Every structure is written in C-alpha cells, then in structure tokens.
C-alpha cells in the first residue's frame, strides 16, 4: 500500500525532496521532545523534570529551547508544502489511500493501547477512548486535518484552474492577510482553523506554481527567502525575550510565536522546498525512510507514549544526570526517539501493514457498494 501523506511516491522520486522530508521529521521529533520537557502533564504524579520556557530569560539554553519549539510547526509546513505541490497535479482523491491511512492510524493506536495496558495495568479513561478513536479525536492533528483536506483538493484544483491570474492574486492576498497575517499576531481573528489555513497556503503554492516558476526555480531567490524567514523566526523570539526582560506584560510571552500561523515558518518551508526541488540525486535509503515518514509520525507521537513514556524518560534523565548538559540531552533523546520510531515503522511496514492493506481494500469495496445504493436512492428523489 502506498503511503502518500508525507511521501508522495507517485510523482517524486528525486531524493532531494525526500531528504527534506526526513529533515522535517527530525525537526518535529525535536520539537515534541522539547514540548514534553516544558509542558505540565496532568496524567503523571511527578513534575520535577519540567523546565520553564515561557518566561523571558538570560539563560542561553532556555532561549535556544524556545527557538527549537518552533521546529514542529516548521516540519509540518515542509510536509504540507511538499504535498500541496504534487496534489496540485491531481484530478481525484484516492479512496484506497484514505482508507489505508485510517486503518493504519487506528491499528497502531490500538496496538500501543494494548501494550500500555499490559505494562501499566491501566490507563486514563479519557486516553482509553482517545486511543480507540484516534482520528476522531485528532490524536495526531496533522493526519486528521490531512484526511479532511485531501478529499477536497480536486475541487480546489478546479477552482484554481477556473480563476484568472488577477482573481487568483486577489484570493491569495486576502486569505494571506486574514489567516496568516492577522492570526500570526493574534490567533483568534476571523474564526481561524487549520483547514482554512491549509487552503490559504495551498492557493499560495498554486499561485507560485502557475505564475512564478522562473523566480521559484532560482536558488538565489530561495536562499534569500530562506535566510529572511530564518532571521525573522529567530529574531522575533529574541526580541520578545529582550522586551520581556524589560516589560512585565511581555515577561511570559517567550513561546507566543510557536504557531502554525507563523508567517516566517511558512516562508522557510516554501523556500526550503524550492531549494530541495533543484537538488537532484537518487538514494534508495533516503527514499525508503521518507516513505515511512507517516508511520514515524504516528508512532513517535502516539498519545500514550507522549503522555506516559516521554515524561518518564525526562524524569529519569533529570534525577540521574541533571540538566548540566541539557542541550546535549535534547539531541540524544530526540535521536533515540526517532530511531525507535523508525525501527518500529520499518517493522510495521514489513508485517502488519501488508494485512491492513488487504483489509482496507475490502472495507473500501463494502463501503463503495453501500454508497452506490445510497446514491441511487437519493437521485430518485425529486
């Protein structure tokens, strides 16, 4: 079964873009490891390992961790920009792909639920329900949002094809101001949500692909955009920290810009993808690891692992070694977590996924037959 949420096998096998996706996975894992370090957990009885990254600080390590928290949103945008680029050439949504994704997400979630029950003996009732219905409760929000976005992308493509350049420019300008500009400052304007934000960025990527290819093919232009985005993303955090040291009202706003509405992160993702597209080389291992990116995402951010296991490991690190070399521990922890997820992904791909592929095909046929009956009945109504 093809997995195309993060690795669209059908249209790209150049390893430059695949390598960028692996980098995006690494960024996301680092961000989640840092998130566990700085976020209180209601499901565990200890909190000694926690570190405050919300308040302005003169500690360079804490400031660097605050910057690293932005890695998750950046990694997500890299994946979405890459997916958007190739979905713009798509004419229909694949039911097989969606059903395969849904089943893989559910099977992995239930497997971890069973393992956790065997080890711990119990889990929170809320987490038990969430584990049984991982997509419904958006345990991995990116995948749930993708499953909502993917079926509508062919209709967005028709809309894009019907627009003139002036119309397209007006649409992307308005959406960029409303759902990126305003919500970057305060993420409550004009009823924002991730689906609307994705549609906005999808239309921006479409405009680039239709009308700006000469500029977007320039390594110099993309390098400048990448540097501007990186400088903006880091600079605004540093500025917030400096102001927070002087202004009491800003003293607890160090993580204010950790958001998918962060326009600098979107700019970095678009520029990085533009550079990766020009980096042509072939490497089977890179392609294979990138193909597993969806499974890595599901496994490493499983709701039970992130609730029980990740905090426990930070607790052990803190009590045994302390945080004298915290920056090193973040990278060692992230590397171990990533390798664990990769190993389990490869194991799942070679074993259980073969079964889920067959089951998903049968389920899709069954659902298709029922829909045919429903459609026939509805079309008879007047």
Protein backbone atom coordinates (compact mmCIF):
# COMPACT_ATOMS: atom_id res chain seq x y z
CA UNK A 1 0.00 0.00 0.00
CA UNK A 2 1.28 3.45 -0.84
CA UNK A 3 1.61 5.98 1.96
CA UNK A 4 1.45 9.46 0.46
CA UNK A 5 0.62 11.85 3.28
CA UNK A 6 4.27 12.71 3.79
CA UNK A 7 5.90 10.82 0.95
CA UNK A 8 4.10 11.17 -2.34
CA UNK A 9 5.66 8.29 -4.22
CA UNK A 10 3.57 8.76 -7.34
CA UNK A 11 5.19 11.98 -8.51
CA UNK A 12 8.57 12.38 -6.93
CA UNK A 13 11.45 10.07 -6.53
CA UNK A 14 14.24 12.64 -6.54
CA UNK A 15 15.90 12.20 -3.19
CA UNK A 16 16.40 15.94 -2.68
CA UNK A 17 12.78 16.46 -1.68
CA UNK A 18 12.74 13.13 0.16
CA UNK A 19 15.75 14.22 2.19
CA UNK A 20 13.94 17.45 3.06
CA UNK A 21 11.06 15.37 4.42
CA UNK A 22 13.45 13.40 6.61
CA UNK A 23 14.81 16.70 7.94
CA UNK A 24 11.20 17.75 8.62
CA UNK A 25 10.61 14.55 10.62
CA UNK A 26 13.74 15.25 12.67
CA UNK A 27 12.56 18.80 13.36
CA UNK A 28 9.16 17.54 14.50
CA UNK A 29 10.65 14.93 16.83
CA UNK A 30 12.98 17.50 18.42
CA UNK A 31 10.08 19.89 18.93
CA UNK A 32 7.95 17.22 20.60
CA UNK A 33 10.79 16.16 22.89
CA UNK A 34 11.23 19.80 23.95
CA UNK A 35 7.45 20.13 24.36
CA UNK A 36 7.44 17.28 26.88
CA UNK A 37 10.27 18.95 28.77
CA UNK A 38 8.40 22.23 29.22
CA UNK A 39 4.72 21.20 29.46
CA UNK A 40 2.94 20.06 32.62
CA UNK A 41 1.30 16.65 32.37
CA UNK A 42 -1.94 16.03 34.26
CA UNK A 43 -1.71 12.24 33.96
CA UNK A 44 1.52 11.65 35.90
CA UNK A 45 2.24 12.31 39.62
CA UNK A 46 5.68 13.95 39.20
CA UNK A 47 6.81 17.21 37.62
CA UNK A 48 10.39 17.64 38.85
CA UNK A 49 11.77 17.31 35.30
CA UNK A 50 9.89 20.34 33.97
CA UNK A 51 11.66 23.44 32.72
CA UNK A 52 10.08 26.88 32.33
CA UNK A 53 10.44 28.19 28.79
CA UNK A 54 7.55 30.63 28.82
CA UNK A 55 9.24 33.48 30.71
CA UNK A 56 11.87 35.86 29.44
CA UNK A 57 15.34 34.67 30.36
CA UNK A 58 19.05 35.41 30.21
CA UNK A 59 19.78 31.67 30.04
CA UNK A 60 21.02 30.86 26.54
CA UNK A 61 19.98 27.21 26.74
CA UNK A 62 16.39 28.07 27.67
CA UNK A 63 16.23 30.65 24.88
CA UNK A 64 17.54 28.07 22.41
CA UNK A 65 14.91 25.56 23.57
CA UNK A 66 12.24 28.21 22.97
CA UNK A 67 13.51 28.56 19.40
CA UNK A 68 13.53 24.78 18.97
CA UNK A 69 9.86 24.59 19.93
CA UNK A 70 9.16 26.21 16.56
CA UNK A 71 10.69 23.20 14.77
CA UNK A 72 7.44 21.24 14.93
CA UNK A 73 5.37 23.83 13.06
CA UNK A 74 8.20 24.24 10.55
CA UNK A 75 8.37 20.49 9.92
CA UNK A 76 4.61 20.35 9.44
CA UNK A 77 4.75 23.17 6.89
CA UNK A 78 7.53 21.46 4.97
CA UNK A 79 5.37 18.36 4.68
CA UNK A 80 2.31 20.33 3.66
CA UNK A 81 4.09 22.43 1.04
CA UNK A 82 5.60 19.27 -0.45
CA UNK A 83 2.21 17.52 -0.50
CA UNK A 84 0.47 20.61 -1.92
CA UNK A 85 2.95 20.91 -4.77
CA UNK A 86 2.11 17.45 -6.08
CA UNK A 87 -1.58 17.43 -5.17
CA UNK A 88 -1.98 20.42 -7.49
CA UNK A 89 -1.49 17.98 -10.38
CA UNK A 90 -4.09 15.55 -9.02
CA UNK A 91 -7.54 15.20 -10.53
CA UNK A 92 -9.20 12.97 -7.95
CA UNK A 93 -8.87 11.71 -4.40
CA UNK A 94 -7.97 8.07 -3.79
CA UNK A 95 -10.36 6.21 -1.53
CA UNK A 96 -7.76 3.45 -1.19
CA UNK A 97 -5.23 5.91 0.14
CA UNK A 98 -7.64 7.40 2.69
CA UNK A 99 -8.89 4.03 3.91
CA UNK A 100 -5.33 2.74 4.24
CA UNK A 101 -4.35 5.78 6.29
CA UNK A 102 -7.37 5.49 8.56
CA UNK A 103 -6.74 1.82 9.22
CA UNK A 104 -3.00 2.25 9.87
CA UNK A 105 -3.68 5.08 12.31
CA UNK A 106 -6.27 3.01 14.15
CA UNK A 107 -4.24 -0.23 14.24
CA UNK A 108 -1.11 1.47 15.59
CA UNK A 109 -3.13 3.35 18.21
CA UNK A 110 -4.86 0.18 19.42
CA UNK A 111 -1.56 -1.73 19.46
CA UNK A 112 0.01 0.85 21.75
CA UNK A 113 -3.12 0.83 23.89
CA UNK A 114 -2.79 -2.94 24.36
CA UNK A 115 0.94 -2.72 25.12
CA UNK A 116 0.38 0.10 27.62
CA UNK A 117 -2.37 -1.86 29.39
CA UNK A 118 -0.07 -4.88 29.67
CA UNK A 119 2.78 -2.81 31.12
CA UNK A 120 0.89 -0.34 33.30
CA UNK A 121 -2.26 -2.35 34.06
CA UNK A 122 -4.43 0.71 33.43
CA UNK A 123 -4.70 4.00 31.57
CA UNK A 124 -6.84 7.08 31.99
CA UNK A 125 -10.42 6.55 30.82
CA UNK A 126 -10.12 9.62 28.59
CA UNK A 127 -6.92 8.34 26.99
CA UNK A 128 -8.50 4.90 26.55
CA UNK A 129 -11.34 6.41 24.49
CA UNK A 130 -8.95 8.66 22.58
CA UNK A 131 -6.81 5.64 21.70
CA UNK A 132 -9.83 3.75 20.36
CA UNK A 133 -10.82 6.67 18.13
CA UNK A 134 -7.52 8.36 17.23
CA UNK A 135 -8.70 10.14 14.08
CA UNK A 136 -11.99 11.31 15.56
CA UNK A 137 -10.18 12.99 18.47
CA UNK A 138 -7.28 14.18 16.29
CA UNK A 139 -4.59 12.50 18.40
CA UNK A 140 -2.24 13.33 15.54
CA UNK A 141 -3.84 16.57 14.36
CA UNK A 142 -1.85 16.78 11.12
CA UNK A 143 -3.20 13.46 9.87
CA UNK A 144 -6.79 14.25 10.82
CA UNK A 145 -6.56 17.60 9.07
CA UNK A 146 -4.99 15.94 6.04
CA UNK A 147 -7.85 13.45 5.85
CA UNK A 148 -10.25 16.40 5.79
CA UNK A 149 -8.20 18.37 3.27
CA UNK A 150 -7.30 15.58 0.84
CA UNK A 151 -10.84 14.82 -0.44
CA UNK A 152 -11.48 18.47 -1.30
CA UNK A 153 -8.20 19.14 -3.11
CA UNK A 154 -9.52 18.09 -6.57
CA UNK A 155 -12.32 20.67 -6.23
CA UNK A 156 -9.81 23.31 -5.16
CA UNK A 157 -7.81 22.44 -8.27
CA UNK A 158 -10.88 23.02 -10.44
CA UNK A 159 -11.42 26.37 -8.77
CA UNK A 160 -7.79 27.30 -9.33
CA UNK A 161 -7.98 26.32 -12.99
CA UNK A 162 -11.09 28.48 -13.46
CA UNK A 163 -9.50 31.63 -11.99
CA UNK A 164 -7.58 34.25 -13.91
CA UNK A 165 -4.24 35.38 -12.55
CA UNK A 166 -5.78 38.59 -11.20
CA UNK A 167 -8.56 36.67 -9.46
CA UNK A 168 -6.06 34.20 -8.03
CA UNK A 169 -3.86 37.02 -6.78
CA UNK A 170 -6.80 38.72 -5.07
CA UNK A 171 -7.86 35.49 -3.36
CA UNK A 172 -4.41 34.60 -2.04
CA UNK A 173 -3.77 38.19 -0.93
CA UNK A 174 -6.99 38.35 1.08
CA UNK A 175 -6.54 34.89 2.60
CA UNK A 176 -2.89 35.58 3.44
CA UNK A 177 -3.82 38.77 5.29
CA UNK A 178 -6.81 37.24 7.10
CA UNK A 179 -5.49 33.81 8.05
CA UNK A 180 -1.73 34.28 8.17
CA UNK A 181 -1.08 37.95 8.84
CA UNK A 182 -3.78 38.68 11.42
CA UNK A 183 -3.57 35.31 13.13
CA UNK A 184 0.21 35.45 13.37
CA UNK A 185 -0.32 38.44 15.65
CA UNK A 186 -3.32 37.01 17.50
CA UNK A 187 -4.70 33.58 16.55
CA UNK A 188 -8.38 34.37 17.10
CA UNK A 189 -9.28 36.60 14.17
CA UNK A 190 -11.96 35.63 11.63
CA UNK A 191 -12.74 32.16 13.02
CA UNK A 192 -9.41 30.54 12.13
CA UNK A 193 -8.75 26.83 11.95
CA UNK A 194 -6.09 24.61 10.41
CA UNK A 195 -8.23 23.58 7.44
CA UNK A 196 -8.78 27.21 6.40
CA UNK A 197 -5.09 27.92 6.91
CA UNK A 198 -4.12 24.95 4.74
CA UNK A 199 -6.48 26.04 1.99
CA UNK A 200 -4.92 29.50 2.11
CA UNK A 201 -1.37 28.15 1.81
CA UNK A 202 -2.48 25.65 -0.85
CA UNK A 203 -3.71 28.53 -3.00
CA UNK A 204 -0.44 30.40 -2.39
CA UNK A 205 1.58 27.37 -3.53
CA UNK A 206 -0.72 27.08 -6.55
CA UNK A 207 -0.06 30.72 -7.48
CA UNK A 208 3.69 30.14 -7.26
CA UNK A 209 3.46 27.02 -9.39
CA UNK A 210 1.26 28.66 -12.05
CA UNK A 211 2.78 32.11 -12.33
CA UNK A 212 6.13 32.37 -10.52
CA UNK A 213 8.13 29.37 -11.66
CA UNK A 214 11.03 31.39 -13.05
CA UNK A 215 11.59 33.07 -9.70
CA UNK A 216 10.87 29.90 -7.74
CA UNK A 217 13.45 27.98 -9.78
CA UNK A 218 16.18 30.41 -8.70
CA UNK A 219 18.45 29.04 -5.98
CA UNK A 220 19.49 32.60 -5.16
CA UNK A 221 15.92 33.78 -4.64
CA UNK A 222 15.04 30.79 -2.46
CA UNK A 223 18.23 31.16 -0.45
CA UNK A 224 17.41 34.81 0.26
CA UNK A 225 13.84 33.89 1.25
CA UNK A 226 15.14 31.09 3.49
CA UNK A 227 17.55 33.42 5.25
CA UNK A 228 14.86 36.09 5.67
CA UNK A 229 12.45 33.53 7.11
CA UNK A 230 15.05 32.10 9.50
CA UNK A 231 16.16 35.56 10.61
CA UNK A 232 12.55 36.56 11.20
CA UNK A 233 11.63 33.39 13.08
CA UNK A 234 14.64 33.57 15.40
CA UNK A 235 14.71 37.34 15.60
CA UNK A 236 11.15 37.71 16.82
CA UNK A 237 11.79 35.22 19.64
CA UNK A 238 14.96 37.02 20.71
CA UNK A 239 13.18 40.38 20.52
CA UNK A 240 10.29 39.06 22.61
CA UNK A 241 12.79 37.79 25.18
CA UNK A 242 14.60 41.13 25.36
CA UNK A 243 11.34 43.05 25.69
CA UNK A 244 10.11 40.55 28.27
CA UNK A 245 13.12 41.30 30.46
CA UNK A 246 12.10 44.95 30.48
CA UNK A 247 8.30 44.90 30.23
CA UNK A 248 6.32 42.88 32.79
CA UNK A 249 3.35 42.35 30.44
CA UNK A 250 5.65 40.50 28.00
CA UNK A 251 7.60 38.53 30.58
CA UNK A 252 5.66 35.30 29.97
CA UNK A 253 5.36 35.54 26.17
CA UNK A 254 8.55 33.75 25.09
CA UNK A 255 6.60 30.98 23.31
CA UNK A 256 3.99 33.32 21.84
CA UNK A 257 5.13 32.74 18.27
CA UNK A 258 5.04 28.93 18.41
CA UNK A 259 2.14 28.67 16.00
CA UNK A 260 1.21 27.25 12.61
CA UNK A 261 0.19 30.82 11.71
CA UNK A 262 3.83 31.92 11.97
CA UNK A 263 4.45 33.52 8.56
CA UNK A 264 8.23 33.17 8.90
CA UNK A 265 7.95 29.38 9.24
CA UNK A 266 5.70 29.22 6.17
CA UNK A 267 8.25 31.27 4.24
CA UNK A 268 11.08 28.96 5.34
CA UNK A 269 9.12 25.87 4.25
CA UNK A 270 8.30 27.28 0.81
CA UNK A 271 11.91 28.40 0.25
CA UNK A 272 13.38 25.11 1.53
CA UNK A 273 11.13 23.11 -0.78
CA UNK A 274 12.16 25.33 -3.71
CA UNK A 275 15.82 24.57 -2.99
CA UNK A 276 15.15 20.83 -2.47
CA UNK A 277 13.41 20.60 -5.86
CA UNK A 278 16.66 21.65 -7.55
CA UNK A 279 18.75 19.14 -5.62
CA UNK A 280 18.61 16.14 -7.94
CA UNK A 281 20.09 12.87 -6.73
CA UNK A 282 18.94 9.30 -6.17
CA UNK A 283 19.26 7.33 -2.96
CA UNK A 284 17.07 4.31 -2.18
CA UNK A 285 17.63 4.50 1.59
CA UNK A 286 16.64 8.15 1.72
CA UNK A 287 13.52 7.41 -0.32
CA UNK A 288 12.58 4.45 1.85
CA UNK A 289 12.98 6.35 5.11
CA UNK A 290 10.95 9.24 3.69
CA UNK A 291 8.27 6.76 2.64
CA UNK A 292 7.97 5.72 6.30
CA UNK A 293 7.52 9.30 7.48
CA UNK A 294 3.80 8.94 8.12
CA UNK A 295 4.37 5.86 10.27
CA UNK A 296 7.21 7.58 12.14
CA UNK A 297 4.87 10.49 12.82
CA UNK A 298 2.09 8.24 14.13
CA UNK A 299 4.36 6.11 16.30
CA UNK A 300 6.62 8.72 17.89
CA UNK A 301 3.67 10.96 18.77
CA UNK A 302 1.30 8.23 19.94
CA UNK A 303 -0.92 9.72 22.64
CA UNK A 304 0.05 7.12 25.26
CA UNK A 305 3.78 7.32 24.54
CA UNK A 306 3.79 11.09 24.73
CA UNK A 307 1.66 11.07 27.89
CA UNK A 308 3.39 8.37 29.92
CA UNK A 309 6.73 7.39 28.37
CA UNK A 310 8.31 10.66 27.25
CA UNK A 311 7.81 12.43 30.62
CA UNK A 312 9.12 9.36 32.48
CA UNK A 313 12.32 9.38 30.43
CA UNK A 314 12.89 13.09 31.12
CA UNK A 315 12.21 12.36 34.80
CA UNK A 316 14.91 9.67 34.75
CA UNK A 317 17.42 11.89 32.95
CA UNK A 318 16.84 14.75 35.38
CA UNK A 319 17.20 12.59 38.51
CA UNK A 320 20.22 10.62 37.33
CA UNK A 321 22.24 13.17 35.39
CA UNK A 322 20.68 16.59 35.93
CA UNK A 323 20.43 19.26 33.28
CA UNK A 324 24.03 20.46 33.24
CA UNK A 325 24.28 19.31 29.61
CA UNK A 326 20.63 19.79 28.71
CA UNK A 327 21.20 20.75 25.10
CA UNK A 328 23.11 17.50 24.52
CA UNK A 329 20.39 15.50 26.26
CA UNK A 330 17.72 17.01 24.00
CA UNK A 331 19.55 15.79 20.90
CA UNK A 332 20.40 12.37 22.34
CA UNK A 333 16.80 11.91 23.49
CA UNK A 334 15.46 13.06 20.11
CA UNK A 335 17.84 10.79 18.20
CA UNK A 336 16.86 7.77 20.31
CA UNK A 337 13.17 8.56 19.98
CA UNK A 338 13.48 8.98 16.21
CA UNK A 339 15.43 5.73 15.75
CA UNK A 340 12.88 3.85 17.87
CA UNK A 341 10.04 5.19 15.74
CA UNK A 342 11.91 4.41 12.52
CA UNK A 343 12.66 0.82 13.60
CA UNK A 344 9.02 0.22 14.57
CA UNK A 345 7.86 1.83 11.32
CA UNK A 346 10.01 -0.49 9.23
CA UNK A 347 8.81 -3.48 11.26
CA UNK A 348 5.17 -2.44 10.84
CA UNK A 349 5.65 -1.83 7.11
CA UNK A 350 7.10 -5.31 6.59
CA UNK A 351 4.46 -7.11 8.65
CA UNK A 352 1.13 -5.70 9.82
CA UNK A 353 0.76 -3.12 7.05
CA UNK A 354 0.51 -5.86 4.45
CA UNK A 355 -2.58 -7.15 6.27
CA UNK A 356 -4.09 -3.68 6.79
CA UNK A 357 -3.70 -3.03 3.06
CA UNK A 358 -5.84 -6.04 2.20
CA UNK A 359 -8.40 -5.25 4.89
CA UNK A 360 -8.68 -1.62 3.80
CA UNK A 361 -9.34 -2.68 0.20
CA UNK A 362 -12.18 -4.96 1.29
CA UNK A 363 -13.63 -2.28 3.56
CA UNK A 364 -13.48 0.24 0.72
CA UNK A 365 -15.35 -2.12 -1.62
CA UNK A 366 -18.02 -2.73 1.03
CA UNK A 367 -18.45 0.97 1.71
CA UNK A 368 -18.49 1.67 -2.02
CA UNK A 369 -21.33 -0.77 -2.61
CA UNK A 370 -23.40 0.81 0.18
CA UNK A 371 -22.74 4.28 -1.18
CA UNK A 372 -23.87 3.20 -4.65
CA UNK A 373 -27.20 2.12 -3.17
CA UNK A 374 -27.49 5.37 -1.21
CA UNK A 375 -26.66 7.45 -4.27
CA UNK A 376 -29.15 5.61 -6.45
CA UNK A 377 -31.90 6.11 -3.85
CA UNK A 378 -31.14 9.82 -3.40
CA UNK A 379 -31.06 10.50 -7.13
CA UNK A 380 -34.57 9.09 -7.46
CA UNK A 381 -35.91 11.75 -5.11
CA UNK A 382 -37.47 14.86 -6.61
